[in-house]
Amino acid sequence: MGGALIKAAAKSVDKNDIYVYDRATEKADAFKASLGVVSCDEEKVIKEAKYIFLGVKPQVLECAIGEIKDTLKARKDRFIIVSMAAGVKISKITAFFGFELPVIRIMPNTPVSVGEGMILYDANDLVTDAEKKEFSEILKRAGKLDNLPEALIDAGCALSGCGPAFVDLFIEALSDAGVKCGLPRDKALLYAAQTLLGSSKLAIETGAHPAVLKDAVCSPGGSTIAGVHALEENGFRGACMDAVCAAFERTKELG
């Protein structure tokens, strides 16, 4: 996810202003080679960057913060912590640091790397409106950003953060069906992916309810309604709801 955000930010800001550190130095070097960003050590990021993105899993966040908190506490200039750790609240992040500091909590998804992502975010009171605007400008090429109350971010994460994996399963299933019906694999994958892309764009741009868009395709006694019936018989909507709810409960556990 950190890599996807780097790609998005590189489209909006000067690449020389993007510092990348990874314990696996070859990963940071790869971003330098492909995007022109600055590959550096951890100290340079912690001492110089204004927006410090912590791209670590929630299970290791406390340990990662423990390694940098003293250096950050000694800084005299302005900096903002940006956390993407699932389930970890801003108050807990502040507790890990042991002192008050500005924090933005984000929940992005992988499509940010191609400019069609969804980023949910909230911030504590130490982050100014001007900084929220600046932060949004940095990531504006990532896709859509939405300021969501922190109490709802875990639910949002279960939908938009985990959702790409569910959608990928659907694309794979649709393409498998196309192959079963006789289509070549490459064409089946293309048709499935483009169909989801186009349907999503139609829903967003028209603002129409999905049920209305679905009904527009289902002619009486036609092939589409036969397919919809098969999905309903196999619990398609219930399975989708269960997937999001399971992801939501696991996100809360991780926090």
C-alpha atoms as a PDB file:
ATOM      1  CA  MET A   1       0.000   0.000   0.000  1.00  0.00           C
ATOM      2  CA  GLY A   2       2.877   2.342   0.749  1.00  0.00           C
ATOM      3  CA  GLY A   3       4.197   1.755  -2.735  1.00  0.00           C
ATOM      4  CA  ALA A   4       0.819   2.568  -4.277  1.00  0.00           C
ATOM      5  CA  LEU A   5       0.719   5.881  -2.404  1.00  0.00           C
ATOM      6  CA  ILE A   6       4.255   6.724  -3.528  1.00  0.00           C
ATOM      7  CA  LYS A   7       3.174   6.266  -7.146  1.00  0.00           C
ATOM      8  CA  ALA A   8       0.160   8.511  -6.598  1.00  0.00           C
ATOM      9  CA  ALA A   9       2.100  11.250  -4.797  1.00  0.00           C
ATOM     10  CA  ALA A  10       4.767  11.239  -7.508  1.00  0.00           C
ATOM     11  CA  LYS A  11       2.118  12.438  -9.960  1.00  0.00           C
ATOM     12  CA  SER A  12       1.281  15.512  -7.868  1.00  0.00           C
ATOM     13  CA  VAL A  13       4.452  16.796  -6.174  1.00  0.00           C
ATOM     14  CA  ASP A  14       8.116  17.281  -6.982  1.00  0.00           C
ATOM     15  CA  LYS A  15       9.724  13.847  -6.943  1.00  0.00           C
ATOM     16  CA  ASN A  16      12.739  15.269  -5.105  1.00  0.00           C
ATOM     17  CA  ASP A  17      10.404  16.061  -2.200  1.00  0.00           C
ATOM     18  CA  ILE A  18       9.392  12.416  -1.777  1.00  0.00           C
ATOM     19  CA  TYR A  19      11.707  10.479   0.550  1.00  0.00           C
ATOM     20  CA  VAL A  20      11.387   6.698   0.574  1.00  0.00           C
ATOM     21  CA  TYR A  21      12.823   4.432   3.236  1.00  0.00           C
ATOM     22  CA  ASP A  22      12.400   0.669   3.491  1.00  0.00           C
ATOM     23  CA  ARG A  23      14.320  -1.851   5.572  1.00  0.00           C
ATOM     24  CA  ALA A  24      14.653  -3.771   2.326  1.00  0.00           C
ATOM     25  CA  THR A  25      16.768  -1.129   0.585  1.00  0.00           C
ATOM     26  CA  GLU A  26      16.260  -2.731  -2.807  1.00  0.00           C
ATOM     27  CA  LYS A  27      12.569  -1.788  -2.659  1.00  0.00           C
ATOM     28  CA  ALA A  28      13.329   1.889  -2.035  1.00  0.00           C
ATOM     29  CA  ASP A  29      15.974   1.804  -4.763  1.00  0.00           C
ATOM     30  CA  ALA A  30      13.422   0.329  -7.168  1.00  0.00           C
ATOM     31  CA  PHE A  31      11.090   3.278  -6.549  1.00  0.00           C
ATOM     32  CA  LYS A  32      13.977   5.662  -7.120  1.00  0.00           C
ATOM     33  CA  ALA A  33      14.773   3.988 -10.426  1.00  0.00           C
ATOM     34  CA  SER A  34      11.178   3.825 -11.669  1.00  0.00           C
ATOM     35  CA  LEU A  35       9.735   7.090 -10.314  1.00  0.00           C
ATOM     36  CA  GLY A  36      12.696   9.373  -9.649  1.00  0.00           C
ATOM     37  CA  VAL A  37      11.950   9.761  -5.916  1.00  0.00           C
ATOM     38  CA  VAL A  38      14.672   9.969  -3.266  1.00  0.00           C
ATOM     39  CA  SER A  39      15.813   6.698  -1.719  1.00  0.00           C
ATOM     40  CA  CYS A  40      17.275   7.453   1.704  1.00  0.00           C
ATOM     41  CA  ASP A  41      17.828   6.222   5.230  1.00  0.00           C
ATOM     42  CA  GLU A  42      15.268   6.360   8.018  1.00  0.00           C
ATOM     43  CA  GLU A  43      16.962   9.290   9.757  1.00  0.00           C
ATOM     44  CA  LYS A  44      16.505  11.629   6.788  1.00  0.00           C
ATOM     45  CA  VAL A  45      12.778  10.867   6.630  1.00  0.00           C
ATOM     46  CA  ILE A  46      12.253  11.315  10.360  1.00  0.00           C
ATOM     47  CA  LYS A  47      14.276  14.520  10.617  1.00  0.00           C
ATOM     48  CA  GLU A  48      13.218  16.291   7.428  1.00  0.00           C
ATOM     49  CA  ALA A  49       9.844  15.130   6.058  1.00  0.00           C
ATOM     50  CA  LYS A  50       6.730  17.132   6.882  1.00  0.00           C
ATOM     51  CA  TYR A  51       4.259  14.317   6.205  1.00  0.00           C
ATOM     52  CA  ILE A  52       5.639  11.044   7.552  1.00  0.00           C
ATOM     53  CA  PHE A  53       3.712   8.035   6.242  1.00  0.00           C
ATOM     54  CA  LEU A  54       4.008   4.930   8.413  1.00  0.00           C
ATOM     55  CA  GLY A  55       3.512   2.065   5.988  1.00  0.00           C
ATOM     56  CA  VAL A  56       3.599  -0.785   8.513  1.00  0.00           C
ATOM     57  CA  LYS A  57       1.108  -3.412   9.625  1.00  0.00           C
ATOM     58  CA  PRO A  58      -0.902  -2.765  12.795  1.00  0.00           C
ATOM     59  CA  GLN A  59       0.838  -5.612  14.618  1.00  0.00           C
ATOM     60  CA  VAL A  60       4.220  -3.877  14.398  1.00  0.00           C
ATOM     61  CA  LEU A  61       3.131  -0.237  14.585  1.00  0.00           C
ATOM     62  CA  GLU A  62       4.011   0.214  18.266  1.00  0.00           C
ATOM     63  CA  CYS A  63       7.493  -1.198  17.698  1.00  0.00           C
ATOM     64  CA  ALA A  64       8.052   1.014  14.632  1.00  0.00           C
ATOM     65  CA  ILE A  65       6.963   4.115  16.537  1.00  0.00           C
ATOM     66  CA  GLY A  66       9.242   3.196  19.424  1.00  0.00           C
ATOM     67  CA  GLU A  67      12.228   3.450  17.082  1.00  0.00           C
ATOM     68  CA  ILE A  68      11.437   6.992  15.906  1.00  0.00           C
ATOM     69  CA  LYS A  69       9.530   8.748  18.690  1.00  0.00           C
ATOM     70  CA  ASP A  70      12.540  10.273  20.480  1.00  0.00           C
ATOM     71  CA  THR A  71      13.900  11.798  17.278  1.00  0.00           C
ATOM     72  CA  LEU A  72      10.505  13.233  16.396  1.00  0.00           C
ATOM     73  CA  LYS A  73       9.983  14.632  19.879  1.00  0.00           C
ATOM     74  CA  ALA A  74      13.228  16.578  19.498  1.00  0.00           C
ATOM     75  CA  ARG A  75      12.184  18.187  16.205  1.00  0.00           C
ATOM     76  CA  LYS A  76      11.510  21.924  16.359  1.00  0.00           C
ATOM     77  CA  ASP A  77       9.790  22.249  12.980  1.00  0.00           C
ATOM     78  CA  ARG A  78       6.324  21.163  11.928  1.00  0.00           C
ATOM     79  CA  PHE A  79       5.609  17.532  10.980  1.00  0.00           C
ATOM     80  CA  ILE A  80       2.527  15.324  10.672  1.00  0.00           C
ATOM     81  CA  ILE A  81       2.236  11.580  11.160  1.00  0.00           C
ATOM     82  CA  VAL A  82       0.130   9.713   8.597  1.00  0.00           C
ATOM     83  CA  SER A  83      -0.882   6.188   9.625  1.00  0.00           C
ATOM     84  CA  MET A  84      -2.514   3.579   7.415  1.00  0.00           C
ATOM     85  CA  ALA A  85      -2.533   0.807  10.040  1.00  0.00           C
ATOM     86  CA  ALA A  86      -5.911  -0.906   9.944  1.00  0.00           C
ATOM     87  CA  GLY A  87      -7.951  -0.682  13.113  1.00  0.00           C
ATOM     88  CA  VAL A  88      -5.503   1.468  15.101  1.00  0.00           C
ATOM     89  CA  LYS A  89      -7.168   4.640  16.360  1.00  0.00           C
ATOM     90  CA  ILE A  90      -5.506   8.057  16.456  1.00  0.00           C
ATOM     91  CA  SER A  91      -5.650   8.048  20.258  1.00  0.00           C
ATOM     92  CA  LYS A  92      -3.701   4.792  20.356  1.00  0.00           C
ATOM     93  CA  ILE A  93      -1.121   6.121  17.901  1.00  0.00           C
ATOM     94  CA  THR A  94      -0.649   9.178  20.124  1.00  0.00           C
ATOM     95  CA  ALA A  95      -0.266   6.899  23.155  1.00  0.00           C
ATOM     96  CA  PHE A  96       2.466   4.937  21.360  1.00  0.00           C
ATOM     97  CA  PHE A  97       4.393   8.196  20.856  1.00  0.00           C
ATOM     98  CA  GLY A  98       3.864   9.308  24.431  1.00  0.00           C
ATOM     99  CA  PHE A  99       3.291  12.956  23.510  1.00  0.00           C
ATOM    100  CA  GLU A 100       0.720  15.014  21.618  1.00  0.00           C
ATOM    101  CA  LEU A 101       1.363  15.435  17.904  1.00  0.00           C
ATOM    102  CA  PRO A 102      -0.654  15.972  14.709  1.00  0.00           C
ATOM    103  CA  VAL A 103      -1.897  12.692  13.223  1.00  0.00           C
ATOM    104  CA  ILE A 104      -3.836  11.869  10.078  1.00  0.00           C
ATOM    105  CA  ARG A 105      -5.289   8.384   9.854  1.00  0.00           C
ATOM    106  CA  ILE A 106      -5.951   7.070   6.361  1.00  0.00           C
ATOM    107  CA  MET A 107      -7.447   3.975   4.818  1.00  0.00           C
ATOM    108  CA  PRO A 108      -6.451   3.764   1.141  1.00  0.00           C
ATOM    109  CA  ASN A 109      -6.926   0.899  -1.292  1.00  0.00           C
ATOM    110  CA  THR A 110      -4.654  -0.526  -3.983  1.00  0.00           C
ATOM    111  CA  PRO A 111      -6.315   1.210  -6.982  1.00  0.00           C
ATOM    112  CA  VAL A 112      -4.676   4.453  -5.803  1.00  0.00           C
ATOM    113  CA  SER A 113      -1.659   3.296  -7.822  1.00  0.00           C
ATOM    114  CA  VAL A 114      -3.636   3.817 -11.050  1.00  0.00           C
ATOM    115  CA  GLY A 115      -5.442   6.971  -9.916  1.00  0.00           C
ATOM    116  CA  GLU A 116      -8.778   5.301  -9.193  1.00  0.00           C
ATOM    117  CA  GLY A 117      -8.434   4.616  -5.493  1.00  0.00           C
ATOM    118  CA  MET A 118     -10.566   5.449  -2.488  1.00  0.00           C
ATOM    119  CA  ILE A 119      -8.847   7.084   0.507  1.00  0.00           C
ATOM    120  CA  LEU A 120     -10.774   7.557   3.733  1.00  0.00           C
ATOM    121  CA  TYR A 121      -9.160   9.855   6.268  1.00  0.00           C
ATOM    122  CA  ASP A 122      -9.618  11.689   9.531  1.00  0.00           C
ATOM    123  CA  ALA A 123      -7.283  13.789  11.661  1.00  0.00           C
ATOM    124  CA  ASN A 124      -6.922  14.940  15.234  1.00  0.00           C
ATOM    125  CA  ASP A 125      -7.438  18.548  16.259  1.00  0.00           C
ATOM    126  CA  LEU A 126      -3.725  19.362  15.930  1.00  0.00           C
ATOM    127  CA  VAL A 127      -3.948  19.104  12.131  1.00  0.00           C
ATOM    128  CA  THR A 128      -5.060  22.424  10.637  1.00  0.00           C
ATOM    129  CA  ASP A 129      -7.579  22.861   7.827  1.00  0.00           C
ATOM    130  CA  ALA A 130      -4.771  24.216   5.643  1.00  0.00           C
ATOM    131  CA  GLU A 131      -2.746  21.049   6.255  1.00  0.00           C
ATOM    132  CA  LYS A 132      -5.722  18.840   5.447  1.00  0.00           C
ATOM    133  CA  LYS A 133      -6.054  20.716   2.167  1.00  0.00           C
ATOM    134  CA  GLU A 134      -2.333  20.372   1.470  1.00  0.00           C
ATOM    135  CA  PHE A 135      -2.479  16.661   2.284  1.00  0.00           C
ATOM    136  CA  SER A 136      -5.399  16.225  -0.116  1.00  0.00           C
ATOM    137  CA  GLU A 137      -3.449  18.029  -2.842  1.00  0.00           C
ATOM    138  CA  ILE A 138      -0.531  15.625  -2.388  1.00  0.00           C
ATOM    139  CA  LEU A 139      -2.791  12.619  -2.954  1.00  0.00           C
ATOM    140  CA  LYS A 140      -5.288  14.153  -5.386  1.00  0.00           C
ATOM    141  CA  ARG A 141      -4.028  11.992  -8.265  1.00  0.00           C
ATOM    142  CA  ALA A 142      -4.675   8.841  -6.224  1.00  0.00           C
ATOM    143  CA  GLY A 143      -8.426   8.921  -6.793  1.00  0.00           C
ATOM    144  CA  LYS A 144     -11.158  10.048  -4.429  1.00  0.00           C
ATOM    145  CA  LEU A 145     -10.494  11.259  -0.866  1.00  0.00           C
ATOM    146  CA  ASP A 146     -13.247  11.422   1.706  1.00  0.00           C
ATOM    147  CA  ASN A 147     -13.033  12.908   5.200  1.00  0.00           C
ATOM    148  CA  LEU A 148     -14.844  10.310   7.326  1.00  0.00           C
ATOM    149  CA  PRO A 149     -15.351  10.430  11.114  1.00  0.00           C
ATOM    150  CA  GLU A 150     -12.860   8.048  12.700  1.00  0.00           C
ATOM    151  CA  ALA A 151     -15.649   6.030  14.328  1.00  0.00           C
ATOM    152  CA  LEU A 152     -16.675   4.913  10.811  1.00  0.00           C
ATOM    153  CA  ILE A 153     -13.237   4.324   9.292  1.00  0.00           C
ATOM    154  CA  ASP A 154     -13.059   0.630  10.252  1.00  0.00           C
ATOM    155  CA  ALA A 155     -16.367   0.036   8.482  1.00  0.00           C
ATOM    156  CA  GLY A 156     -15.140   2.004   5.479  1.00  0.00           C
ATOM    157  CA  CYS A 157     -11.919  -0.007   5.451  1.00  0.00           C
ATOM    158  CA  ALA A 158     -13.863  -3.279   5.331  1.00  0.00           C
ATOM    159  CA  LEU A 159     -15.672  -2.028   2.235  1.00  0.00           C
ATOM    160  CA  SER A 160     -13.227   0.067   0.198  1.00  0.00           C
ATOM    161  CA  GLY A 161      -9.938  -1.179   1.671  1.00  0.00           C
ATOM    162  CA  CYS A 162     -10.681  -4.907   1.476  1.00  0.00           C
ATOM    163  CA  GLY A 163     -13.136  -4.582  -1.402  1.00  0.00           C
ATOM    164  CA  PRO A 164     -10.604  -4.760  -4.256  1.00  0.00           C
ATOM    165  CA  ALA A 165      -9.826  -8.374  -3.294  1.00  0.00           C
ATOM    166  CA  PHE A 166     -13.543  -9.220  -3.385  1.00  0.00           C
ATOM    167  CA  VAL A 167     -13.898  -7.514  -6.759  1.00  0.00           C
ATOM    168  CA  ASP A 168     -10.859  -9.374  -8.096  1.00  0.00           C
ATOM    169  CA  LEU A 169     -12.473 -12.657  -7.092  1.00  0.00           C
ATOM    170  CA  PHE A 170     -15.602 -11.607  -8.981  1.00  0.00           C
ATOM    171  CA  ILE A 171     -13.582 -10.687 -12.078  1.00  0.00           C
ATOM    172  CA  GLU A 172     -11.817 -14.042 -11.924  1.00  0.00           C
ATOM    173  CA  ALA A 173     -15.096 -15.904 -11.501  1.00  0.00           C
ATOM    174  CA  LEU A 174     -16.711 -14.064 -14.416  1.00  0.00           C
ATOM    175  CA  SER A 175     -13.726 -14.774 -16.652  1.00  0.00           C
ATOM    176  CA  ASP A 176     -13.697 -18.449 -15.620  1.00  0.00           C
ATOM    177  CA  ALA A 177     -17.334 -18.631 -16.670  1.00  0.00           C
ATOM    178  CA  GLY A 178     -16.459 -17.013 -19.974  1.00  0.00           C
ATOM    179  CA  VAL A 179     -13.769 -19.632 -20.551  1.00  0.00           C
ATOM    180  CA  LYS A 180     -16.246 -22.389 -19.694  1.00  0.00           C
ATOM    181  CA  CYS A 181     -18.587 -20.933 -22.298  1.00  0.00           C
ATOM    182  CA  GLY A 182     -15.822 -21.048 -24.919  1.00  0.00           C
ATOM    183  CA  LEU A 183     -14.037 -17.676 -24.747  1.00  0.00           C
ATOM    184  CA  PRO A 184     -10.225 -17.485 -24.860  1.00  0.00           C
ATOM    185  CA  ARG A 185      -8.801 -16.641 -21.407  1.00  0.00           C
ATOM    186  CA  ASP A 186      -7.328 -13.239 -22.378  1.00  0.00           C
ATOM    187  CA  LYS A 187     -10.599 -12.070 -23.898  1.00  0.00           C
ATOM    188  CA  ALA A 188     -12.658 -13.354 -20.963  1.00  0.00           C
ATOM    189  CA  LEU A 189     -10.471 -11.434 -18.504  1.00  0.00           C
ATOM    190  CA  LEU A 190     -10.684  -8.261 -20.599  1.00  0.00           C
ATOM    191  CA  TYR A 191     -14.462  -8.453 -20.931  1.00  0.00           C
ATOM    192  CA  ALA A 192     -14.959  -9.122 -17.212  1.00  0.00           C
ATOM    193  CA  ALA A 193     -12.650  -6.333 -16.013  1.00  0.00           C
ATOM    194  CA  GLN A 194     -13.975  -3.756 -18.497  1.00  0.00           C
ATOM    195  CA  THR A 195     -17.550  -4.654 -17.610  1.00  0.00           C
ATOM    196  CA  LEU A 196     -16.899  -3.922 -13.926  1.00  0.00           C
ATOM    197  CA  LEU A 197     -15.033  -0.719 -14.780  1.00  0.00           C
ATOM    198  CA  GLY A 198     -17.801   0.537 -17.054  1.00  0.00           C
ATOM    199  CA  SER A 199     -20.580  -0.434 -14.655  1.00  0.00           C
ATOM    200  CA  SER A 200     -18.851   1.354 -11.782  1.00  0.00           C
ATOM    201  CA  LYS A 201     -18.373   4.499 -13.851  1.00  0.00           C
ATOM    202  CA  LEU A 202     -22.012   4.405 -14.934  1.00  0.00           C
ATOM    203  CA  ALA A 203     -23.161   4.161 -11.301  1.00  0.00           C
ATOM    204  CA  ILE A 204     -20.938   7.042 -10.174  1.00  0.00           C
ATOM    205  CA  GLU A 205     -21.631   9.403 -13.068  1.00  0.00           C
ATOM    206  CA  THR A 206     -25.393   8.870 -13.226  1.00  0.00           C
ATOM    207  CA  GLY A 207     -25.954   8.613  -9.475  1.00  0.00           C
ATOM    208  CA  ALA A 208     -28.615   6.009 -10.214  1.00  0.00           C
ATOM    209  CA  HIS A 209     -29.353   3.312  -7.644  1.00  0.00           C
ATOM    210  CA  PRO A 210     -27.760  -0.036  -8.592  1.00  0.00           C
ATOM    211  CA  ALA A 211     -31.200  -1.666  -8.616  1.00  0.00           C
ATOM    212  CA  VAL A 212     -32.331   0.782 -11.294  1.00  0.00           C
ATOM    213  CA  LEU A 213     -29.245   0.098 -13.414  1.00  0.00           C
ATOM    214  CA  LYS A 214     -29.715  -3.639 -12.953  1.00  0.00           C
ATOM    215  CA  ASP A 215     -33.363  -3.456 -14.015  1.00  0.00           C
ATOM    216  CA  ALA A 216     -32.361  -1.563 -17.163  1.00  0.00           C
ATOM    217  CA  VAL A 217     -30.399  -4.622 -18.317  1.00  0.00           C
ATOM    218  CA  CYS A 218     -32.989  -7.222 -17.337  1.00  0.00           C
ATOM    219  CA  SER A 219     -35.519  -7.554 -20.139  1.00  0.00           C
ATOM    220  CA  PRO A 220     -38.577  -9.766 -19.475  1.00  0.00           C
ATOM    221  CA  GLY A 221     -37.778 -13.431 -19.953  1.00  0.00           C
ATOM    222  CA  GLY A 222     -34.242 -12.573 -21.075  1.00  0.00           C
ATOM    223  CA  SER A 223     -30.818 -14.023 -20.436  1.00  0.00           C
ATOM    224  CA  THR A 224     -29.759 -11.389 -17.885  1.00  0.00           C
ATOM    225  CA  ILE A 225     -32.628 -12.018 -15.485  1.00  0.00           C
ATOM    226  CA  ALA A 226     -31.899 -15.744 -15.747  1.00  0.00           C
ATOM    227  CA  GLY A 227     -28.345 -15.009 -14.621  1.00  0.00           C
ATOM    228  CA  VAL A 228     -29.551 -12.740 -11.802  1.00  0.00           C
ATOM    229  CA  HIS A 229     -31.830 -15.540 -10.612  1.00  0.00           C
ATOM    230  CA  ALA A 230     -28.876 -17.941 -10.543  1.00  0.00           C
ATOM    231  CA  LEU A 231     -26.876 -15.464  -8.442  1.00  0.00           C
ATOM    232  CA  GLU A 232     -29.759 -15.049  -5.999  1.00  0.00           C
ATOM    233  CA  GLU A 233     -30.253 -18.808  -5.700  1.00  0.00           C
ATOM    234  CA  ASN A 234     -26.592 -19.125  -4.720  1.00  0.00           C
ATOM    235  CA  GLY A 235     -26.708 -16.371  -2.107  1.00  0.00           C
ATOM    236  CA  PHE A 236     -24.584 -13.850  -4.009  1.00  0.00           C
ATOM    237  CA  ARG A 237     -25.684 -10.752  -2.126  1.00  0.00           C
ATOM    238  CA  GLY A 238     -25.574 -12.498   1.230  1.00  0.00           C
ATOM    239  CA  ALA A 239     -22.040 -13.734   0.535  1.00  0.00           C
ATOM    240  CA  CYS A 240     -20.924 -10.196  -0.376  1.00  0.00           C
ATOM    241  CA  MET A 241     -22.418  -8.802   2.818  1.00  0.00           C
ATOM    242  CA  ASP A 242     -20.808 -11.562   4.881  1.00  0.00           C
ATOM    243  CA  ALA A 243     -17.406 -10.800   3.330  1.00  0.00           C
ATOM    244  CA  VAL A 244     -17.528  -7.114   4.271  1.00  0.00           C
ATOM    245  CA  CYS A 245     -18.829  -7.861   7.764  1.00  0.00           C
ATOM    246  CA  ALA A 246     -16.108 -10.477   8.352  1.00  0.00           C
ATOM    247  CA  ALA A 247     -13.458  -7.979   7.223  1.00  0.00           C
ATOM    248  CA  PHE A 248     -14.968  -5.370   9.569  1.00  0.00           C
ATOM    249  CA  GLU A 249     -14.794  -7.665  12.585  1.00  0.00           C
ATOM    250  CA  ARG A 250     -11.190  -8.630  11.790  1.00  0.00           C
ATOM    251  CA  THR A 251     -10.225  -4.975  11.389  1.00  0.00           C
ATOM    252  CA  LYS A 252     -11.557  -4.253  14.872  1.00  0.00           C
ATOM    253  CA  GLU A 253      -9.567  -7.212  16.230  1.00  0.00           C
ATOM    254  CA  LEU A 254      -6.360  -5.893  14.664  1.00  0.00           C
ATOM    255  CA  GLY A 255      -6.885  -2.557  16.446  1.00  0.00           C
END
